[in-house]
Amino acid sequence: MTDIATLITERLTAALSPTKLEVVNESAQHRGHLGDDGTGESHFRVIVESVAFVGQSRVARQRLVNRALADLLAERIHALAIQAKAPGE
């Protein structure tokens, strides 16, 4: 089974053609907390820069990210922090 960080990278790359993408697994910081399923892959942070975000509000940008990861968010990811920027911001 492919690890979740790799799946996030693949999905966001395909959906947004990012100029910058960083996927950080923060699950260890939440070990034993609500939502920790013991897999070590439950909490993530993404920093993504894409021309797709130009002219989009913060909420619209987050919706684009959430849409690309919808099934993972529903089934495998408990928490996702998103920092979405347009180039030059």
Protein backbone atom coordinates (compact mmCIF):
# COMPACT_ATOMS: atom_id res chain seq x y z
CA MET A 1 0.00 0.00 0.00
CA THR A 2 1.32 3.44 -0.93
CA ASP A 3 2.01 5.77 1.98
CA ILE A 4 -0.36 8.70 2.36
CA ALA A 5 2.28 11.42 1.90
CA THR A 6 3.08 9.96 -1.52
CA LEU A 7 -0.61 9.81 -2.43
CA ILE A 8 -1.08 13.43 -1.36
CA THR A 9 1.90 14.46 -3.49
CA GLU A 10 0.62 12.56 -6.53
CA ARG A 11 -2.94 13.87 -6.23
CA LEU A 12 -1.99 17.51 -5.72
CA THR A 13 0.58 17.37 -8.51
CA ALA A 14 -2.02 15.99 -10.92
CA ALA A 15 -4.78 18.40 -9.88
CA LEU A 16 -2.86 21.64 -9.38
CA SER A 17 0.50 21.39 -11.21
CA PRO A 18 2.18 23.11 -8.26
CA THR A 19 5.29 25.25 -8.59
CA LYS A 20 6.06 24.33 -4.97
CA LEU A 21 4.72 21.45 -2.89
CA GLU A 22 5.71 20.30 0.55
CA VAL A 23 3.88 17.51 2.38
CA VAL A 24 4.70 17.17 6.06
CA ASN A 25 3.57 14.20 8.15
CA GLU A 26 2.77 15.65 11.59
CA SER A 27 1.22 12.45 12.95
CA ALA A 28 3.94 11.86 15.54
CA GLN A 29 3.01 15.17 17.20
CA HIS A 30 -0.52 13.81 17.70
CA ARG A 31 0.31 10.31 18.92
CA GLY A 32 -2.29 9.18 21.44
CA HIS A 33 -4.62 12.08 20.65
CA LEU A 34 -8.10 11.94 19.16
CA GLY A 35 -7.87 10.86 15.54
CA ASP A 36 -4.58 9.00 15.93
CA ASP A 37 -5.31 5.63 14.36
CA GLY A 38 -1.89 4.20 15.21
CA THR A 39 -0.70 4.10 11.60
CA GLY A 40 1.55 7.14 11.91
CA GLU A 41 -0.29 8.61 8.93
CA SER A 42 -3.24 10.57 10.29
CA HIS A 43 -2.19 14.24 10.47
CA PHE A 44 -0.60 16.18 7.60
CA ARG A 45 0.35 19.72 6.59
CA VAL A 46 0.63 20.77 2.95
CA ILE A 47 2.31 23.88 1.65
CA VAL A 48 1.33 24.29 -1.98
CA GLU A 49 1.95 27.05 -4.50
CA SER A 50 0.09 26.93 -7.80
CA VAL A 51 -1.04 29.24 -10.59
CA ALA A 52 -4.46 27.61 -10.09
CA PHE A 53 -4.76 29.77 -6.96
CA VAL A 54 -4.34 33.11 -8.76
CA GLY A 55 -7.42 35.24 -8.09
CA GLN A 56 -8.89 32.64 -5.72
CA SER A 57 -9.91 33.32 -2.12
CA ARG A 58 -8.32 31.36 0.73
CA VAL A 59 -11.50 29.28 1.03
CA ALA A 60 -11.60 28.54 -2.71
CA ARG A 61 -7.96 27.46 -2.61
CA GLN A 62 -8.62 25.10 0.28
CA ARG A 63 -11.61 23.67 -1.56
CA LEU A 64 -9.41 22.87 -4.56
CA VAL A 65 -6.98 21.01 -2.30
CA ASN A 66 -9.78 19.23 -0.44
CA ARG A 67 -11.43 18.19 -3.70
CA ALA A 68 -8.18 16.63 -4.95
CA LEU A 69 -7.84 14.66 -1.70
CA ALA A 70 -11.53 13.97 -1.00
CA ASP A 71 -11.38 10.18 -0.70
CA LEU A 72 -8.23 10.30 1.45
CA LEU A 73 -9.85 12.86 3.75
CA ALA A 74 -12.94 10.69 4.05
CA GLU A 75 -11.12 7.45 4.73
CA ARG A 76 -7.46 7.83 5.74
CA ILE A 77 -6.57 11.37 6.86
CA HIS A 78 -7.87 12.70 10.17
CA ALA A 79 -6.44 16.23 9.92
CA LEU A 80 -5.00 18.34 7.10
CA ALA A 81 -3.52 21.82 7.53
CA ILE A 82 -3.35 23.71 4.24
CA GLN A 83 -1.19 26.67 3.26
CA ALA A 84 -2.12 27.49 -0.35
CA LYS A 85 -0.46 30.35 -2.22
CA ALA A 86 -0.27 31.72 -5.73
CA PRO A 87 3.24 32.27 -7.15
CA GLY A 88 4.78 35.46 -5.83
CA GLU A 89 2.69 35.64 -2.67
